[in-house]
C-alpha atoms as a PDB file:
ATOM      1  CA  MET A   1      -2.817  -9.221   5.036  1.00  0.00           C
ATOM      2  CA  ARG A   2      -1.955 -12.595   3.535  1.00  0.00           C
ATOM      3  CA  LYS A   3       1.748 -13.398   3.802  1.00  0.00           C
ATOM      4  CA  TYR A   4       2.436 -13.635   0.074  1.00  0.00           C
ATOM      5  CA  MET A   5       0.748 -10.260  -0.481  1.00  0.00           C
ATOM      6  CA  GLU A   6       2.861  -8.732   2.277  1.00  0.00           C
ATOM      7  CA  ILE A   7       5.999 -10.126   0.641  1.00  0.00           C
ATOM      8  CA  ALA A   8       4.914  -8.914  -2.821  1.00  0.00           C
ATOM      9  CA  ARG A   9       4.450  -5.412  -1.436  1.00  0.00           C
ATOM     10  CA  ASN A  10       7.829  -5.517   0.294  1.00  0.00           C
ATOM     11  CA  ILE A  11       9.575  -6.692  -2.874  1.00  0.00           C
ATOM     12  CA  SER A  12       7.865  -3.950  -4.914  1.00  0.00           C
ATOM     13  CA  GLU A  13       9.116  -1.347  -2.437  1.00  0.00           C
ATOM     14  CA  LYS A  14      12.648  -2.689  -2.784  1.00  0.00           C
ATOM     15  CA  ILE A  15      12.304  -2.477  -6.560  1.00  0.00           C
ATOM     16  CA  PHE A  16      11.121   1.142  -6.515  1.00  0.00           C
ATOM     17  CA  TYR A  17      13.734   2.082  -3.896  1.00  0.00           C
ATOM     18  CA  LYS A  18      16.365   0.510  -6.228  1.00  0.00           C
ATOM     19  CA  GLU A  19      17.464  -2.160  -3.751  1.00  0.00           C
ATOM     20  CA  PHE A  20      16.685  -4.627  -6.542  1.00  0.00           C
ATOM     21  CA  LYS A  21      17.886  -2.936  -9.719  1.00  0.00           C
ATOM     22  CA  LYS A  22      17.755  -5.276 -12.690  1.00  0.00           C
ATOM     23  CA  GLN A  23      16.754  -8.728 -11.540  1.00  0.00           C
ATOM     24  CA  LEU A  24      15.139 -10.331  -8.507  1.00  0.00           C
ATOM     25  CA  PRO A  25      17.171 -12.696  -6.365  1.00  0.00           C
ATOM     26  CA  SER A  26      16.582 -16.386  -7.044  1.00  0.00           C
ATOM     27  CA  GLU A  27      13.626 -18.201  -5.481  1.00  0.00           C
ATOM     28  CA  ASN A  28      15.973 -19.907  -3.014  1.00  0.00           C
ATOM     29  CA  GLU A  29      17.475 -16.577  -1.974  1.00  0.00           C
ATOM     30  CA  LEU A  30      14.003 -15.071  -1.456  1.00  0.00           C
ATOM     31  CA  ILE A  31      12.942 -18.118   0.558  1.00  0.00           C
ATOM     32  CA  ASP A  32      15.951 -17.645   2.841  1.00  0.00           C
ATOM     33  CA  GLN A  33      15.375 -13.895   3.062  1.00  0.00           C
ATOM     34  CA  TYR A  34      11.687 -14.071   3.988  1.00  0.00           C
ATOM     35  CA  HIS A  35      11.708 -17.440   5.818  1.00  0.00           C
ATOM     36  CA  VAL A  36       8.661 -18.770   3.989  1.00  0.00           C
ATOM     37  CA  SER A  37       7.786 -21.671   1.718  1.00  0.00           C
ATOM     38  CA  ARG A  38       8.477 -21.850  -2.009  1.00  0.00           C
ATOM     39  CA  ASN A  39       4.734 -21.615  -2.763  1.00  0.00           C
ATOM     40  CA  THR A  40       4.491 -18.363  -0.786  1.00  0.00           C
ATOM     41  CA  ILE A  41       7.382 -16.844  -2.763  1.00  0.00           C
ATOM     42  CA  ARG A  42       5.902 -18.026  -6.053  1.00  0.00           C
ATOM     43  CA  ASN A  43       2.524 -16.513  -5.167  1.00  0.00           C
ATOM     44  CA  ALA A  44       4.218 -13.205  -4.337  1.00  0.00           C
ATOM     45  CA  ILE A  45       6.173 -13.273  -7.608  1.00  0.00           C
ATOM     46  CA  SER A  46       2.964 -14.035  -9.527  1.00  0.00           C
ATOM     47  CA  ILE A  47       1.367 -10.858  -8.157  1.00  0.00           C
ATOM     48  CA  LEU A  48       4.340  -8.761  -9.261  1.00  0.00           C
ATOM     49  CA  ALA A  49       4.322 -10.384 -12.695  1.00  0.00           C
ATOM     50  CA  ASN A  50       0.563  -9.895 -13.094  1.00  0.00           C
ATOM     51  CA  HIS A  51       1.033  -6.206 -12.296  1.00  0.00           C
ATOM     52  CA  GLY A  52       3.796  -5.872 -14.873  1.00  0.00           C
ATOM     53  CA  ILE A  53       6.464  -4.951 -12.323  1.00  0.00           C
ATOM     54  CA  ILE A  54       8.629  -7.931 -13.254  1.00  0.00           C
ATOM     55  CA  LYS A  55       8.923 -10.184 -16.282  1.00  0.00           C
ATOM     56  CA  ARG A  56      10.015 -13.796 -16.386  1.00  0.00           C
ATOM     57  CA  VAL A  57      12.712 -14.818 -18.832  1.00  0.00           C
ATOM     58  CA  GLN A  58      12.687 -18.585 -19.219  1.00  0.00           C
ATOM     59  CA  GLY A  59      15.848 -20.100 -17.765  1.00  0.00           C
ATOM     60  CA  SER A  60      17.209 -16.742 -16.574  1.00  0.00           C
ATOM     61  CA  GLY A  61      14.889 -15.618 -13.760  1.00  0.00           C
ATOM     62  CA  TYR A  62      12.718 -12.578 -13.102  1.00  0.00           C
ATOM     63  CA  PHE A  63      13.734  -9.201 -14.488  1.00  0.00           C
ATOM     64  CA  ILE A  64      12.472  -5.795 -13.405  1.00  0.00           C
ATOM     65  CA  ASN A  65      10.407  -3.739 -15.836  1.00  0.00           C
ATOM     66  CA  GLN A  66      12.825  -0.836 -16.371  1.00  0.00           C
ATOM     67  CA  GLN A  67      10.338   1.258 -18.352  1.00  0.00           C
ATOM     68  CA  LEU A  68       8.013   1.159 -15.379  1.00  0.00           C
ATOM     69  CA  ILE A  69      10.419   2.018 -12.574  1.00  0.00           C
ATOM     70  CA  ASN A  70      12.344   4.638 -14.565  1.00  0.00           C
ATOM     71  CA  ASN A  71       9.223   6.673 -15.320  1.00  0.00           C
ATOM     72  CA  ASP A  72       9.169   9.400 -12.670  1.00  0.00           C
ATOM     73  CA  GLU A  73       5.677  10.644 -13.474  1.00  0.00           C
ATOM     74  CA  LEU A  74       3.773   7.397 -13.537  1.00  0.00           C
ATOM     75  CA  MET A  75       0.897   6.037 -11.488  1.00  0.00           C
ATOM     76  CA  LEU A  76       0.698   2.272 -11.181  1.00  0.00           C
ATOM     77  CA  MET A  77      -3.019   1.498 -11.433  1.00  0.00           C
ATOM     78  CA  ALA A  78      -2.663  -1.822  -9.597  1.00  0.00           C
ATOM     79  CA  SER A  79      -1.301  -0.047  -6.520  1.00  0.00           C
ATOM     80  CA  LYS A  80      -3.790   0.804  -3.786  1.00  0.00           C
ATOM     81  CA  ASP A  81      -1.412   2.762  -1.615  1.00  0.00           C
ATOM     82  CA  GLY A  82      -2.745   6.163  -2.543  1.00  0.00           C
ATOM     83  CA  ILE A  83      -1.268   8.862  -4.723  1.00  0.00           C
ATOM     84  CA  HIS A  84       2.478   8.836  -5.305  1.00  0.00           C
ATOM     85  CA  PRO A  85       2.904  10.976  -8.446  1.00  0.00           C
ATOM     86  CA  THR A  86       6.670  10.648  -8.434  1.00  0.00           C
ATOM     87  CA  ARG A  87       8.602   7.448  -7.866  1.00  0.00           C
ATOM     88  CA  PRO A  88      10.644   7.672  -4.655  1.00  0.00           C
ATOM     89  CA  GLN A  89      14.251   6.500  -4.765  1.00  0.00           C
ATOM     90  CA  SER A  90      14.450   5.963  -1.003  1.00  0.00           C
ATOM     91  CA  TYR A  91      12.288   6.014   2.105  1.00  0.00           C
ATOM     92  CA  GLU A  92      13.459   9.573   2.760  1.00  0.00           C
ATOM     93  CA  ASP A  93      12.402  10.590  -0.749  1.00  0.00           C
ATOM     94  CA  LYS A  94       8.986   9.034  -0.165  1.00  0.00           C
ATOM     95  CA  CYS A  95       8.485  11.074   3.012  1.00  0.00           C
ATOM     96  CA  THR A  96       9.543  14.247   1.198  1.00  0.00           C
ATOM     97  CA  ILE A  97       7.122  13.528  -1.644  1.00  0.00           C
ATOM     98  CA  LEU A  98       4.211  12.896   0.691  1.00  0.00           C
ATOM     99  CA  LYS A  99       4.862  16.206   2.435  1.00  0.00           C
ATOM    100  CA  LYS A 100       4.310  17.929  -0.924  1.00  0.00           C
ATOM    101  CA  LEU A 101       0.891  16.300  -1.269  1.00  0.00           C
ATOM    102  CA  LYS A 102      -1.847  18.437   0.298  1.00  0.00           C
ATOM    103  CA  THR A 103      -5.522  17.650   0.774  1.00  0.00           C
ATOM    104  CA  LYS A 104      -8.540  19.933   1.039  1.00  0.00           C
ATOM    105  CA  ILE A 105     -11.804  18.336   2.173  1.00  0.00           C
ATOM    106  CA  LEU A 106     -14.774  19.796   0.302  1.00  0.00           C
ATOM    107  CA  SER A 107     -17.435  17.455   1.669  1.00  0.00           C
ATOM    108  CA  PHE A 108     -17.648  14.686   4.257  1.00  0.00           C
ATOM    109  CA  LYS A 109     -20.981  13.124   5.113  1.00  0.00           C
ATOM    110  CA  LEU A 110     -22.867   9.942   5.900  1.00  0.00           C
ATOM    111  CA  PHE A 111     -26.004   9.367   3.816  1.00  0.00           C
ATOM    112  CA  GLN A 112     -28.357   6.596   2.705  1.00  0.00           C
ATOM    113  CA  ALA A 113     -27.780   4.848  -0.598  1.00  0.00           C
ATOM    114  CA  ASN A 114     -29.972   5.829  -3.534  1.00  0.00           C
ATOM    115  CA  LYS A 115     -30.666   3.565  -6.501  1.00  0.00           C
ATOM    116  CA  GLN A 116     -27.416   4.422  -8.310  1.00  0.00           C
ATOM    117  CA  ASN A 117     -25.255   3.891  -5.210  1.00  0.00           C
ATOM    118  CA  ALA A 118     -27.009   0.611  -4.439  1.00  0.00           C
ATOM    119  CA  GLU A 119     -26.500  -0.701  -7.970  1.00  0.00           C
ATOM    120  CA  THR A 120     -22.821   0.295  -8.049  1.00  0.00           C
ATOM    121  CA  LEU A 121     -21.964  -1.154  -4.630  1.00  0.00           C
ATOM    122  CA  GLY A 122     -24.416  -4.044  -4.783  1.00  0.00           C
ATOM    123  CA  CYS A 123     -26.007  -2.993  -1.491  1.00  0.00           C
ATOM    124  CA  GLU A 124     -29.584  -2.410  -0.383  1.00  0.00           C
ATOM    125  CA  LEU A 125     -31.388   0.904  -0.830  1.00  0.00           C
ATOM    126  CA  GLY A 126     -30.905   3.091   2.234  1.00  0.00           C
ATOM    127  CA  ALA A 127     -27.628   1.477   3.293  1.00  0.00           C
ATOM    128  CA  ASP A 128     -25.286   3.870   5.098  1.00  0.00           C
ATOM    129  CA  ILE A 129     -22.542   5.237   2.861  1.00  0.00           C
ATOM    130  CA  TYR A 130     -19.681   7.614   3.570  1.00  0.00           C
ATOM    131  CA  TYR A 131     -19.175  10.256   0.906  1.00  0.00           C
ATOM    132  CA  ILE A 132     -15.883  12.166   0.715  1.00  0.00           C
ATOM    133  CA  GLU A 133     -15.099  14.867  -1.785  1.00  0.00           C
ATOM    134  CA  ARG A 134     -11.608  16.289  -1.666  1.00  0.00           C
ATOM    135  CA  LEU A 135      -9.038  18.188  -3.688  1.00  0.00           C
ATOM    136  CA  ARG A 136      -5.453  16.941  -3.851  1.00  0.00           C
ATOM    137  CA  TYR A 137      -2.570  19.303  -4.563  1.00  0.00           C
ATOM    138  CA  PHE A 138       1.029  18.398  -5.378  1.00  0.00           C
ATOM    139  CA  ASN A 139       3.667  21.118  -5.087  1.00  0.00           C
ATOM    140  CA  ASN A 140       0.740  23.510  -4.527  1.00  0.00           C
ATOM    141  CA  GLU A 141      -0.676  22.722  -7.972  1.00  0.00           C
ATOM    142  CA  LEU A 142      -4.040  21.054  -8.529  1.00  0.00           C
ATOM    143  CA  PHE A 143      -3.541  17.332  -8.978  1.00  0.00           C
ATOM    144  CA  CYS A 144      -7.019  15.816  -8.814  1.00  0.00           C
ATOM    145  CA  LEU A 145     -10.600  16.041  -7.604  1.00  0.00           C
ATOM    146  CA  GLU A 146     -11.828  12.915  -5.790  1.00  0.00           C
ATOM    147  CA  LYS A 147     -15.430  11.887  -5.132  1.00  0.00           C
ATOM    148  CA  THR A 148     -15.377   8.692  -3.101  1.00  0.00           C
ATOM    149  CA  TYR A 149     -17.997   6.397  -1.559  1.00  0.00           C
ATOM    150  CA  TYR A 150     -17.447   3.771   1.179  1.00  0.00           C
ATOM    151  CA  LEU A 151     -20.016   1.251   2.392  1.00  0.00           C
ATOM    152  CA  LYS A 152     -20.279   1.797   6.151  1.00  0.00           C
ATOM    153  CA  LYS A 153     -21.051  -1.811   7.072  1.00  0.00           C
ATOM    154  CA  LEU A 154     -17.617  -2.737   5.667  1.00  0.00           C
ATOM    155  CA  VAL A 155     -15.805   0.473   6.644  1.00  0.00           C
ATOM    156  CA  PRO A 156     -17.432   1.235  10.020  1.00  0.00           C
ATOM    157  CA  TYR A 157     -15.717   4.525  10.811  1.00  0.00           C
ATOM    158  CA  LEU A 158     -14.169   7.427   8.948  1.00  0.00           C
ATOM    159  CA  ASP A 159     -13.723  11.075   9.875  1.00  0.00           C
ATOM    160  CA  GLU A 160     -12.278  14.188   8.279  1.00  0.00           C
ATOM    161  CA  LYS A 161      -8.904  13.756   9.992  1.00  0.00           C
ATOM    162  CA  ILE A 162      -8.507  10.287   8.472  1.00  0.00           C
ATOM    163  CA  CYS A 163      -9.536  11.666   5.075  1.00  0.00           C
ATOM    164  CA  GLN A 164      -6.677  14.147   5.148  1.00  0.00           C
ATOM    165  CA  GLY A 165      -4.320  11.242   4.518  1.00  0.00           C
ATOM    166  CA  SER A 166      -4.492   7.876   2.766  1.00  0.00           C
ATOM    167  CA  ILE A 167      -7.920   6.382   3.420  1.00  0.00           C
ATOM    168  CA  PHE A 168      -6.860   3.039   1.948  1.00  0.00           C
ATOM    169  CA  GLU A 169      -3.852   2.860   4.265  1.00  0.00           C
ATOM    170  CA  PHE A 170      -6.158   3.471   7.229  1.00  0.00           C
ATOM    171  CA  ILE A 171      -8.757   0.848   6.307  1.00  0.00           C
ATOM    172  CA  GLN A 172      -6.086  -1.721   5.451  1.00  0.00           C
ATOM    173  CA  LYS A 173      -4.535  -1.346   8.908  1.00  0.00           C
ATOM    174  CA  GLN A 174      -7.711  -0.742  10.928  1.00  0.00           C
ATOM    175  CA  TYR A 175     -10.146  -3.132   9.263  1.00  0.00           C
ATOM    176  CA  LYS A 176      -7.765  -5.537   7.503  1.00  0.00           C
ATOM    177  CA  ILE A 177      -9.444  -4.727   4.184  1.00  0.00           C
ATOM    178  CA  GLU A 178      -7.613  -5.992   1.133  1.00  0.00           C
ATOM    179  CA  VAL A 179      -8.517  -5.075  -2.429  1.00  0.00           C
ATOM    180  CA  ASN A 180      -8.796  -8.303  -4.401  1.00  0.00           C
ATOM    181  CA  ASP A 181     -10.168  -6.950  -7.689  1.00  0.00           C
ATOM    182  CA  ALA A 182     -11.124  -3.629  -9.199  1.00  0.00           C
ATOM    183  CA  ASP A 183     -13.050  -2.368 -12.199  1.00  0.00           C
ATOM    184  CA  GLU A 184     -11.578   0.785 -13.731  1.00  0.00           C
ATOM    185  CA  PHE A 185     -13.094   2.969 -16.423  1.00  0.00           C
ATOM    186  CA  ILE A 186     -10.970   5.706 -17.998  1.00  0.00           C
ATOM    187  CA  LYS A 187     -12.228   8.512 -20.222  1.00  0.00           C
ATOM    188  CA  MET A 188     -11.594  12.102 -21.216  1.00  0.00           C
ATOM    189  CA  SER A 189     -13.781  14.493 -19.279  1.00  0.00           C
ATOM    190  CA  TYR A 190     -14.524  18.223 -19.111  1.00  0.00           C
ATOM    191  CA  THR A 191     -15.397  20.172 -16.016  1.00  0.00           C
ATOM    192  CA  ASN A 192     -18.999  21.224 -15.507  1.00  0.00           C
ATOM    193  CA  GLU A 193     -19.972  24.555 -14.002  1.00  0.00           C
ATOM    194  CA  THR A 194     -20.273  23.214 -10.447  1.00  0.00           C
ATOM    195  CA  ASP A 195     -16.829  21.612 -10.358  1.00  0.00           C
ATOM    196  CA  SER A 196     -15.231  24.539 -12.162  1.00  0.00           C
ATOM    197  CA  LYS A 197     -16.365  26.860  -9.380  1.00  0.00           C
ATOM    198  CA  LYS A 198     -14.942  24.517  -6.730  1.00  0.00           C
ATOM    199  CA  LEU A 199     -11.629  24.345  -8.553  1.00  0.00           C
ATOM    200  CA  SER A 200     -11.495  27.969  -9.701  1.00  0.00           C
ATOM    201  CA  ILE A 201     -10.810  26.895 -13.259  1.00  0.00           C
ATOM    202  CA  PRO A 202     -12.699  27.521 -16.526  1.00  0.00           C
ATOM    203  CA  VAL A 203     -15.734  25.453 -17.450  1.00  0.00           C
ATOM    204  CA  ASN A 204     -14.918  22.605 -19.884  1.00  0.00           C
ATOM    205  CA  THR A 205     -11.346  22.255 -18.670  1.00  0.00           C
ATOM    206  CA  PRO A 206     -10.131  18.867 -20.022  1.00  0.00           C
ATOM    207  CA  ASN A 207      -9.037  16.167 -17.605  1.00  0.00           C
ATOM    208  CA  VAL A 208      -8.685  12.404 -17.294  1.00  0.00           C
ATOM    209  CA  GLN A 209     -11.512  10.796 -15.340  1.00  0.00           C
ATOM    210  CA  ILE A 210     -11.100   7.386 -13.710  1.00  0.00           C
ATOM    211  CA  THR A 211     -14.075   5.632 -12.183  1.00  0.00           C
ATOM    212  CA  GLU A 212     -13.050   2.726  -9.989  1.00  0.00           C
ATOM    213  CA  ILE A 213     -14.984   0.068  -8.064  1.00  0.00           C
ATOM    214  CA  ASN A 214     -12.991  -1.968  -5.535  1.00  0.00           C
ATOM    215  CA  TYR A 215     -13.914  -5.464  -4.374  1.00  0.00           C
ATOM    216  CA  LEU A 216     -13.011  -7.654  -1.427  1.00  0.00           C
ATOM    217  CA  ARG A 217     -11.822 -11.230  -1.807  1.00  0.00           C
ATOM    218  CA  ASN A 218     -15.454 -12.453  -1.830  1.00  0.00           C
ATOM    219  CA  ASN A 219     -16.194 -10.067  -4.729  1.00  0.00           C
ATOM    220  CA  VAL A 220     -18.249  -7.731  -2.541  1.00  0.00           C
ATOM    221  CA  ALA A 221     -17.770  -4.069  -3.445  1.00  0.00           C
ATOM    222  CA  PHE A 222     -16.853  -1.821  -0.527  1.00  0.00           C
ATOM    223  CA  ASN A 223     -15.865   1.374  -2.324  1.00  0.00           C
ATOM    224  CA  TYR A 224     -16.144   3.285  -5.552  1.00  0.00           C
ATOM    225  CA  SER A 225     -14.656   6.562  -6.628  1.00  0.00           C
ATOM    226  CA  ILE A 226     -14.672   9.094  -9.430  1.00  0.00           C
ATOM    227  CA  ILE A 227     -11.349  10.887  -9.758  1.00  0.00           C
ATOM    228  CA  ASN A 228     -10.548  13.668 -12.207  1.00  0.00           C
ATOM    229  CA  TYR A 229      -6.830  14.240 -12.839  1.00  0.00           C
ATOM    230  CA  PHE A 230      -5.774  17.692 -14.015  1.00  0.00           C
ATOM    231  CA  THR A 231      -1.990  17.449 -14.108  1.00  0.00           C
ATOM    232  CA  SER A 232      -0.376  16.939 -17.517  1.00  0.00           C
ATOM    233  CA  ASP A 233       2.788  15.402 -16.049  1.00  0.00           C
ATOM    234  CA  ILE A 234       1.472  11.946 -15.345  1.00  0.00           C
ATOM    235  CA  SER A 235       1.001   8.629 -17.103  1.00  0.00           C
ATOM    236  CA  PHE A 236      -1.176   5.726 -15.988  1.00  0.00           C
ATOM    237  CA  TYR A 237       0.207   2.207 -16.155  1.00  0.00           C
ATOM    238  CA  ASN A 238      -1.842  -0.991 -16.183  1.00  0.00           C
ATOM    239  CA  HIS A 239      -0.439  -4.364 -17.225  1.00  0.00           C
ATOM    240  CA  VAL A 240      -2.761  -6.375 -19.466  1.00  0.00           C
ATOM    241  CA  THR A 241      -2.694 -10.141 -19.986  1.00  0.00           C
ATOM    242  CA  CYS A 242      -4.554 -11.006 -23.183  1.00  0.00           C
ATOM    243  CA  LEU A 243      -7.295 -13.640 -23.206  1.00  0.00           C
END
């Protein structure tokens, strides 16, 4: 992981764990704290600002987005650390939260890309693709249904044990994969008969569906997913910079 990205992630953790409460330390203080150059700190701060986590006030410094960090039922769309449906206030809280998140694998297989998969991932027909379908539960209540595809030539190995946890955390550590860009499409959806049977819920149950395609730094897609969220106690946050 590039140094400025590592620092941006560390600063964001300190923000959500309330180590930084209202305002970031000055650039000079961050330089001393992380022992890096001014450009590295500025690049890290730019990431946080682009994600809407902090806001710059001219002449006063960088202030934390209080509406974002005070919302306990919010998912930050720019985060690729997996599902954290409640904002932790400490590392211990984070561990407790993750223990409440349960996963049930419905399908795990390796198959060859068809036309749709090839077009979405920009790969050749017949390329090897991992397909994972899983249910996620939080506090024993249905949270979401995930249908996820990974291009094997970029993610060489997955298994069901890995898929019980955060797949992104695994591939970031194991294969040094970093998400540079993502396309996200959000719409209202209704369960079809097949999914309703899997979930043991009525047909046409409303949910929020997010289709996401994730790209490497060279703009090559390595993953796409279709996730249906069924909990009503969640908001999705995405910071937008207007053209």
